[in-house]
N, C-alpha and C. Protein backbone atom coordinates (compact mmCIF):
# COMPACT_ATOMS: atom_id res chain seq x y z
N MET A 1 46.95 -66.97 37.33
CA MET A 1 47.32 -65.69 36.99
C MET A 1 47.39 -65.54 34.88
N LEU A 2 46.39 -64.65 34.97
CA LEU A 2 46.16 -64.08 33.64
C LEU A 2 47.08 -63.81 32.58
N LYS A 3 47.61 -64.57 31.74
CA LYS A 3 48.88 -63.60 30.91
C LYS A 3 48.38 -63.55 29.74
N ASP A 4 46.92 -63.51 29.16
CA ASP A 4 46.52 -63.70 28.03
C ASP A 4 46.34 -61.34 28.14
N ASN A 5 46.74 -61.17 26.62
CA ASN A 5 46.79 -59.80 26.69
C ASN A 5 46.30 -59.26 25.15
N ASN A 6 45.33 -59.89 24.66
CA ASN A 6 44.09 -59.69 24.31
C ASN A 6 43.68 -58.28 24.41
N GLY A 7 43.44 -57.75 23.52
CA GLY A 7 42.68 -56.03 23.20
C GLY A 7 42.35 -56.22 21.75
N PHE A 8 41.46 -55.78 21.92
CA PHE A 8 40.50 -54.55 20.68
C PHE A 8 41.34 -54.51 19.69
N THR A 9 41.02 -55.30 18.29
CA THR A 9 42.36 -54.65 16.87
C THR A 9 41.95 -53.21 16.90
N LEU A 10 43.24 -52.67 15.47
CA LEU A 10 42.84 -51.54 15.32
C LEU A 10 41.58 -51.44 14.57
N THR A 11 41.04 -52.26 13.56
CA THR A 11 39.76 -52.29 12.94
C THR A 11 38.74 -52.45 14.08
N GLU A 12 38.51 -53.39 14.43
CA GLU A 12 37.46 -53.31 15.54
C GLU A 12 37.50 -52.10 16.78
N MET A 13 38.27 -50.71 16.90
CA MET A 13 38.41 -49.68 17.46
C MET A 13 37.83 -48.83 15.92
N LEU A 14 38.45 -48.41 15.41
CA LEU A 14 37.62 -47.71 14.21
C LEU A 14 36.19 -47.73 14.02
N PHE A 15 35.77 -49.38 13.92
CA PHE A 15 34.34 -49.86 13.66
C PHE A 15 33.66 -49.26 14.88
N SER A 16 33.92 -49.44 16.17
CA SER A 16 33.73 -48.78 17.36
C SER A 16 32.91 -47.13 17.04
N LEU A 17 34.24 -46.64 17.05
CA LEU A 17 33.67 -45.53 16.89
C LEU A 17 33.22 -44.99 15.67
N SER A 18 33.19 -45.20 14.46
CA SER A 18 32.39 -44.90 13.46
C SER A 18 30.57 -45.43 13.73
N LEU A 19 30.60 -46.32 14.53
CA LEU A 19 28.90 -46.83 14.82
C LEU A 19 28.66 -45.30 15.23
N LEU A 20 29.38 -45.18 17.13
CA LEU A 20 29.36 -44.24 18.18
C LEU A 20 29.11 -42.88 17.44
N SER A 21 30.14 -42.65 16.58
CA SER A 21 29.49 -41.29 16.04
C SER A 21 28.50 -41.29 14.78
N ILE A 22 28.06 -42.19 14.23
CA ILE A 22 26.83 -42.17 13.56
C ILE A 22 26.05 -42.03 14.46
N LEU A 23 25.91 -42.60 15.65
CA LEU A 23 24.57 -42.35 16.79
C LEU A 23 24.30 -41.68 17.12
N LEU A 24 25.37 -41.14 17.74
CA LEU A 24 25.54 -39.75 17.92
C LEU A 24 25.37 -38.41 17.08
N LEU A 25 25.46 -38.57 15.59
CA LEU A 25 24.91 -37.20 14.71
C LEU A 25 23.75 -38.05 14.31
N LEU A 26 23.09 -38.86 14.83
CA LEU A 26 21.70 -39.16 14.01
C LEU A 26 20.78 -38.16 14.55
N PRO A 27 20.15 -37.70 15.63
CA PRO A 27 19.86 -36.44 15.65
C PRO A 27 19.69 -35.22 15.42
N THR A 28 20.87 -35.08 14.77
CA THR A 28 20.85 -33.59 14.34
C THR A 28 20.67 -33.84 12.44
N PHE A 29 20.48 -34.97 11.92
CA PHE A 29 19.58 -35.21 11.04
C PHE A 29 18.20 -35.01 10.55
N PHE A 30 17.47 -34.85 11.61
CA PHE A 30 16.25 -35.93 11.93
C PHE A 30 15.53 -34.41 12.85
N VAL A 31 16.55 -33.48 13.61
CA VAL A 31 15.43 -32.22 14.32
C VAL A 31 15.47 -31.28 12.77
N THR A 32 14.03 -30.71 12.92
CA THR A 32 13.85 -29.68 12.01
C THR A 32 14.45 -28.28 12.66
N PRO A 33 15.10 -27.40 11.89
CA PRO A 33 15.37 -26.30 12.46
C PRO A 33 13.92 -25.42 13.06
N ASN A 34 14.18 -24.90 14.26
CA ASN A 34 13.09 -24.20 14.18
C ASN A 34 13.24 -22.32 14.45
N HIS A 35 14.73 -22.42 14.13
CA HIS A 35 14.87 -20.70 13.80
C HIS A 35 14.00 -19.79 13.01
N ASN A 36 13.11 -20.52 12.19
CA ASN A 36 12.02 -19.09 11.33
C ASN A 36 11.10 -19.63 11.94
N LEU A 37 10.66 -20.43 12.97
CA LEU A 37 9.79 -19.55 13.66
C LEU A 37 9.70 -18.99 14.84
N THR A 38 11.22 -18.95 15.24
CA THR A 38 11.43 -17.88 16.16
C THR A 38 11.55 -16.57 15.99
N ASP A 39 12.44 -16.43 14.21
CA ASP A 39 12.49 -15.51 13.92
C ASP A 39 10.64 -14.48 13.56
N GLU A 40 9.97 -15.36 13.52
CA GLU A 40 8.34 -15.07 12.96
C GLU A 40 7.81 -14.67 14.36
N LYS A 41 7.66 -15.52 15.04
CA LYS A 41 7.16 -14.54 16.49
C LYS A 41 8.25 -13.27 16.96
N ALA A 42 9.36 -13.22 17.00
CA ALA A 42 10.18 -12.21 17.00
C ALA A 42 9.45 -10.78 16.31
N THR A 43 8.95 -11.67 15.23
CA THR A 43 8.50 -10.04 13.80
C THR A 43 7.19 -9.60 14.98
N ILE A 44 6.33 -11.03 14.87
CA ILE A 44 5.15 -10.05 15.34
C ILE A 44 5.12 -9.55 17.01
N GLU A 45 6.09 -10.16 17.39
CA GLU A 45 6.08 -9.26 18.85
C GLU A 45 6.97 -7.79 18.27
N LYS A 46 7.55 -7.37 17.18
CA LYS A 46 7.91 -6.40 16.85
C LYS A 46 6.97 -5.29 16.68
N LEU A 47 6.02 -6.42 15.35
CA LEU A 47 4.52 -5.48 15.60
C LEU A 47 4.03 -4.95 16.52
N ARG A 48 3.68 -5.86 18.02
CA ARG A 48 3.07 -5.19 18.73
C ARG A 48 3.69 -4.17 19.29
N ASN A 49 5.31 -4.31 19.67
CA ASN A 49 5.71 -3.55 20.28
C ASN A 49 5.69 -2.12 19.37
N ASP A 50 5.64 -1.72 18.00
CA ASP A 50 5.53 -0.78 17.72
C ASP A 50 4.42 -0.13 17.16
N LEU A 51 3.13 -0.73 17.58
CA LEU A 51 1.92 -0.46 18.06
C LEU A 51 1.64 0.15 19.38
N VAL A 52 1.99 -0.41 20.59
CA VAL A 52 2.76 0.19 21.76
C VAL A 52 2.70 1.72 21.33
N PHE A 53 4.40 1.40 20.96
CA PHE A 53 4.94 2.61 20.55
C PHE A 53 4.07 4.27 19.83
N ALA A 54 3.57 3.75 19.16
CA ALA A 54 2.33 4.55 18.35
C ALA A 54 1.58 5.32 19.61
N GLN A 55 1.10 4.44 20.20
CA GLN A 55 0.41 4.59 21.70
C GLN A 55 0.84 5.55 22.66
N HIS A 56 2.17 5.32 22.83
CA HIS A 56 3.54 6.28 24.13
C HIS A 56 3.40 7.48 22.88
N LEU A 57 3.70 7.44 21.37
CA LEU A 57 4.08 8.56 20.85
C LEU A 57 2.93 9.83 20.94
N SER A 58 1.35 9.38 20.51
CA SER A 58 0.22 9.88 20.79
C SER A 58 0.59 11.01 22.20
N MET A 59 0.05 10.07 23.04
CA MET A 59 0.67 10.93 24.60
C MET A 59 1.72 11.84 24.82
N SER A 60 3.13 11.40 24.23
CA SER A 60 3.80 12.07 24.06
C SER A 60 3.75 13.69 23.74
N GLN A 61 3.31 13.33 22.14
CA GLN A 61 3.22 14.62 20.97
C GLN A 61 1.89 15.12 21.92
N GLY A 62 1.10 15.18 22.39
CA GLY A 62 -0.07 15.09 22.22
C GLY A 62 -1.02 15.31 21.49
N LYS A 63 -0.35 14.76 20.17
CA LYS A 63 -1.64 14.70 18.66
C LYS A 63 -1.64 13.36 18.72
N LYS A 64 -3.16 13.11 17.96
CA LYS A 64 -3.59 11.65 17.07
C LYS A 64 -2.70 11.50 16.15
N VAL A 65 -2.35 10.13 16.49
CA VAL A 65 -0.89 8.81 15.74
C VAL A 65 -2.44 8.06 15.18
N THR A 66 -1.74 7.86 13.71
CA THR A 66 -2.82 7.13 12.95
C THR A 66 -1.76 6.22 12.25
N ILE A 67 -2.47 5.33 11.79
CA ILE A 67 -1.58 3.95 11.44
C ILE A 67 -1.76 3.40 9.67
N LEU A 68 -0.60 3.03 9.26
CA LEU A 68 -0.80 2.81 7.76
C LEU A 68 -0.13 1.22 7.70
N PHE A 69 -0.73 0.36 7.65
CA PHE A 69 0.39 -1.26 7.25
C PHE A 69 0.32 -1.17 6.02
N GLU A 70 1.43 -1.33 4.93
CA GLU A 70 1.78 -1.82 3.50
C GLU A 70 2.82 -1.83 2.95
N HIS A 71 3.01 -3.01 2.70
CA HIS A 71 4.38 -3.51 1.60
C HIS A 71 5.11 -3.83 2.57
N ASN A 72 4.59 -4.93 4.34
CA ASN A 72 5.51 -5.15 5.06
C ASN A 72 5.87 -4.01 5.91
N GLU A 73 5.70 -2.95 5.96
CA GLU A 73 5.52 -1.51 6.79
C GLU A 73 4.81 -1.40 7.34
N LEU A 74 4.92 -0.83 8.98
CA LEU A 74 4.13 0.20 9.92
C LEU A 74 4.46 1.82 9.23
N LEU A 75 3.29 2.34 9.55
CA LEU A 75 3.92 3.46 8.98
C LEU A 75 2.80 4.34 10.04
N LEU A 76 3.63 5.36 10.75
CA LEU A 76 3.35 6.47 11.64
C LEU A 76 2.78 7.66 10.88
N PHE A 77 1.89 8.45 11.29
CA PHE A 77 1.54 9.71 11.01
C PHE A 77 0.96 10.18 12.32
N TYR A 78 1.34 11.65 12.45
CA TYR A 78 1.07 12.76 13.17
C TYR A 78 1.46 13.74 12.56
N GLY A 79 0.28 14.94 13.03
CA GLY A 79 0.60 15.92 12.35
C GLY A 79 0.87 16.54 11.04
N GLY A 80 -0.41 15.41 10.53
CA GLY A 80 -0.53 15.28 9.26
C GLY A 80 0.74 14.91 8.24
N ARG A 81 1.39 14.38 8.90
CA ARG A 81 2.81 14.09 8.02
C ARG A 81 2.89 12.56 7.95
N GLU A 82 3.74 12.16 7.32
CA GLU A 82 4.35 10.40 7.98
C GLU A 82 5.91 11.03 9.04
N GLN A 83 5.85 10.14 10.43
CA GLN A 83 7.01 10.23 11.01
C GLN A 83 8.11 9.33 10.75
N LEU A 84 7.31 8.24 11.05
CA LEU A 84 7.88 7.33 11.30
C LEU A 84 7.57 5.90 10.15
N ARG A 85 8.65 4.76 10.10
CA ARG A 85 8.45 3.68 9.42
C ARG A 85 9.02 2.67 10.24
N PHE A 86 8.31 1.83 9.92
CA PHE A 86 9.01 0.55 10.72
C PHE A 86 8.64 -0.70 9.76
N ASP A 87 10.31 -1.19 9.01
CA ASP A 87 10.22 -2.41 8.53
C ASP A 87 10.27 -3.84 8.96
N TYR A 88 10.09 -4.79 8.27
CA TYR A 88 9.55 -5.90 9.19
C TYR A 88 10.59 -6.87 8.00
N PRO A 89 11.07 -7.53 8.60
CA PRO A 89 11.95 -8.72 7.84
C PRO A 89 11.50 -10.14 7.45
N ILE A 90 9.91 -10.10 7.91
CA ILE A 90 10.19 -11.77 7.41
C ILE A 90 8.53 -11.13 6.67
N GLU A 91 7.78 -11.54 5.96
CA GLU A 91 6.11 -11.13 5.47
C GLU A 91 5.47 -11.38 6.30
N ILE A 92 4.77 -10.00 6.76
CA ILE A 92 3.13 -10.23 7.62
C ILE A 92 2.24 -10.01 6.77
N THR A 93 0.95 -11.11 6.74
CA THR A 93 -0.18 -10.98 5.72
C THR A 93 -1.08 -9.72 7.56
N VAL A 94 -2.16 -8.95 7.01
CA VAL A 94 -2.83 -8.57 8.16
C VAL A 94 -4.25 -8.44 7.06
N THR A 95 -4.77 -8.96 7.61
CA THR A 95 -6.97 -9.47 7.49
C THR A 95 -7.15 -8.71 8.24
N PRO A 96 -8.59 -8.47 8.28
CA PRO A 96 -9.33 -7.73 9.31
C PRO A 96 -10.50 -8.75 9.37
N ILE A 97 -10.37 -8.46 10.93
CA ILE A 97 -11.53 -9.24 11.70
C ILE A 97 -12.86 -8.63 11.78
N THR A 98 -12.91 -7.76 13.04
CA THR A 98 -13.43 -6.23 12.92
C THR A 98 -12.91 -5.54 12.56
N MET A 99 -11.77 -4.82 12.57
CA MET A 99 -11.58 -3.87 11.73
C MET A 99 -9.92 -4.18 10.85
N ASP A 100 -9.78 -2.79 10.02
CA ASP A 100 -8.74 -3.12 9.42
C ASP A 100 -7.18 -2.58 10.62
N ILE A 101 -6.18 -2.89 9.98
CA ILE A 101 -5.19 -2.59 11.09
C ILE A 101 -4.79 -1.19 10.92
N SER A 102 -5.35 -0.32 9.38
CA SER A 102 -5.44 0.86 9.11
C SER A 102 -6.13 2.19 9.41
N GLU A 103 -7.09 1.43 10.60
CA GLU A 103 -8.32 1.74 11.32
C GLU A 103 -7.97 2.62 12.65
N VAL A 104 -6.56 1.93 13.10
CA VAL A 104 -6.11 2.04 14.19
C VAL A 104 -5.76 3.41 14.09
N ALA A 105 -6.28 4.19 15.43
CA ALA A 105 -5.86 5.43 15.26
C ALA A 105 -5.96 5.81 17.32
N PHE A 106 -4.96 6.54 17.80
CA PHE A 106 -4.37 6.52 18.86
C PHE A 106 -4.65 8.14 19.42
N LEU A 107 -5.52 8.96 20.23
CA LEU A 107 -5.78 10.09 20.48
C LEU A 107 -5.10 10.45 21.07
N SER A 108 -5.03 11.70 21.38
CA SER A 108 -3.39 12.36 22.09
C SER A 108 -3.32 12.05 23.70
N ASN A 109 -4.81 11.74 23.83
CA ASN A 109 -4.32 10.88 25.49
C ASN A 109 -4.18 9.26 25.38
N GLY A 110 -3.51 8.89 24.30
CA GLY A 110 -3.40 6.98 24.75
C GLY A 110 -4.67 6.77 24.15
N HIS A 111 -5.75 6.91 23.88
CA HIS A 111 -7.30 6.32 23.76
C HIS A 111 -7.19 5.48 22.31
N PRO A 112 -7.29 4.52 22.27
CA PRO A 112 -7.34 4.28 20.96
C PRO A 112 -8.73 5.00 20.21
N GLN A 113 -9.10 5.33 19.03
CA GLN A 113 -10.29 5.78 18.32
C GLN A 113 -10.94 5.13 18.44
N LYS A 114 -10.92 3.81 18.20
CA LYS A 114 -12.03 2.48 17.27
C LYS A 114 -10.74 1.30 18.54
N THR A 115 -12.26 0.37 18.70
CA THR A 115 -11.81 -1.23 19.28
C THR A 115 -12.42 -2.40 18.39
N GLY A 116 -11.19 -3.08 17.88
CA GLY A 116 -11.48 -4.54 16.77
C GLY A 116 -10.17 -5.23 16.84
N SER A 117 -10.39 -5.57 16.20
CA SER A 117 -9.35 -7.38 15.80
C SER A 117 -9.03 -7.37 14.51
N TRP A 118 -7.98 -7.55 14.11
CA TRP A 118 -7.21 -7.94 13.24
C TRP A 118 -6.54 -9.28 12.80
N LYS A 119 -6.25 -9.77 11.94
CA LYS A 119 -5.74 -11.08 11.87
C LYS A 119 -4.06 -11.11 11.43
N VAL A 120 -3.20 -11.23 11.91
CA VAL A 120 -1.66 -10.79 11.42
C VAL A 120 -1.47 -12.70 11.34
N SER A 121 -0.37 -12.66 9.80
CA SER A 121 -0.10 -14.00 9.35
C SER A 121 1.35 -14.10 8.78
N THR A 122 2.39 -15.15 9.57
CA THR A 122 3.10 -15.20 8.96
C THR A 122 3.01 -16.76 8.34
N ASP A 123 4.36 -17.61 7.76
CA ASP A 123 4.05 -18.76 6.92
C ASP A 123 3.81 -20.10 7.99
N HIS A 124 3.94 -19.70 9.56
CA HIS A 124 3.62 -21.08 10.00
C HIS A 124 2.72 -20.66 11.52
N LEU A 125 2.79 -18.56 11.36
CA LEU A 125 2.00 -18.11 12.57
C LEU A 125 0.75 -17.51 12.47
N HIS A 126 -0.28 -17.66 13.14
CA HIS A 126 -1.44 -16.78 12.91
C HIS A 126 -2.58 -16.54 14.22
N MET A 127 -2.39 -15.05 14.36
CA MET A 127 -2.63 -14.21 15.59
C MET A 127 -3.54 -13.51 15.17
N ARG A 128 -4.29 -12.99 16.58
CA ARG A 128 -5.41 -12.50 16.22
C ARG A 128 -4.90 -10.94 17.63
N PHE A 129 -4.66 -9.90 16.71
CA PHE A 129 -4.41 -8.88 17.54
C PHE A 129 -5.76 -7.93 17.70
N SER A 130 -5.78 -7.21 18.90
CA SER A 130 -6.42 -6.70 19.17
C SER A 130 -6.68 -5.34 20.03
N VAL A 131 -7.44 -4.14 19.63
CA VAL A 131 -6.74 -3.05 20.45
C VAL A 131 -8.20 -2.75 21.74
N GLN A 132 -8.04 -2.50 22.79
CA GLN A 132 -9.65 -2.50 23.51
C GLN A 132 -9.08 -1.32 24.38
N ILE A 133 -10.57 -0.86 24.36
CA ILE A 133 -11.20 0.35 25.16
C ILE A 133 -10.15 0.69 26.70
N GLY A 134 -9.82 1.67 26.85
CA GLY A 134 -9.72 1.66 28.06
C GLY A 134 -8.63 2.64 27.72
N LYS A 135 -7.29 1.94 28.01
CA LYS A 135 -5.95 2.44 27.78
C LYS A 135 -5.53 2.40 26.88
N GLY A 136 -6.10 1.56 26.02
CA GLY A 136 -6.01 1.15 24.58
C GLY A 136 -4.76 -0.22 24.77
N ARG A 137 -5.51 -1.00 25.16
CA ARG A 137 -4.44 -2.39 25.56
C ARG A 137 -4.21 -2.72 24.30
N ILE A 138 -2.86 -3.39 23.90
CA ILE A 138 -2.60 -4.19 22.66
C ILE A 138 -2.36 -5.12 23.45
N VAL A 139 -3.42 -6.37 23.10
CA VAL A 139 -3.27 -7.61 22.75
C VAL A 139 -3.13 -7.83 21.51
N TYR A 140 -2.60 -9.84 21.44
CA TYR A 140 -2.51 -11.04 20.52
C TYR A 140 -2.48 -12.25 21.21
N ARG A 141 -3.18 -13.11 20.59
CA ARG A 141 -3.27 -14.51 21.24
C ARG A 141 -3.34 -14.99 19.62
N GLU A 142 -2.80 -16.57 19.96
CA GLU A 142 -2.27 -17.41 18.66
C GLU A 142 -3.74 -17.95 18.39
N LEU A 143 -4.08 -17.80 16.88
CA LEU A 143 -5.07 -18.49 16.50
C LEU A 143 -4.95 -20.17 15.88
């Protein structure tokens, strides 16, 4: 029969728990946060949704809607006046590829006046936006 009651000492237990804690916390120090990338994707998606909204606005109001992008804001004009302003939380840079974003206009039936593409960039993402003829599909893809 075993009469030996040797167990771990307090020092050995504390050392083991400390080592285990360090090993468990180690990945949190080396994993880079991707919340900036998620915010950038959400901002680009918001820009696309705002352009689709401009198209829907032209159909519902029966008027031509023109767009202007300046100082990180998208401005919608119809009836000769500025009607709506959309602000973006993350800095967006818009550069023309085959057209400038301010050339985008939706006619009263929702069709775009022109078709073309422009580049939208944030700190980590670069997308190509396109307005296509037809019912004015607005698509984007990563560059």
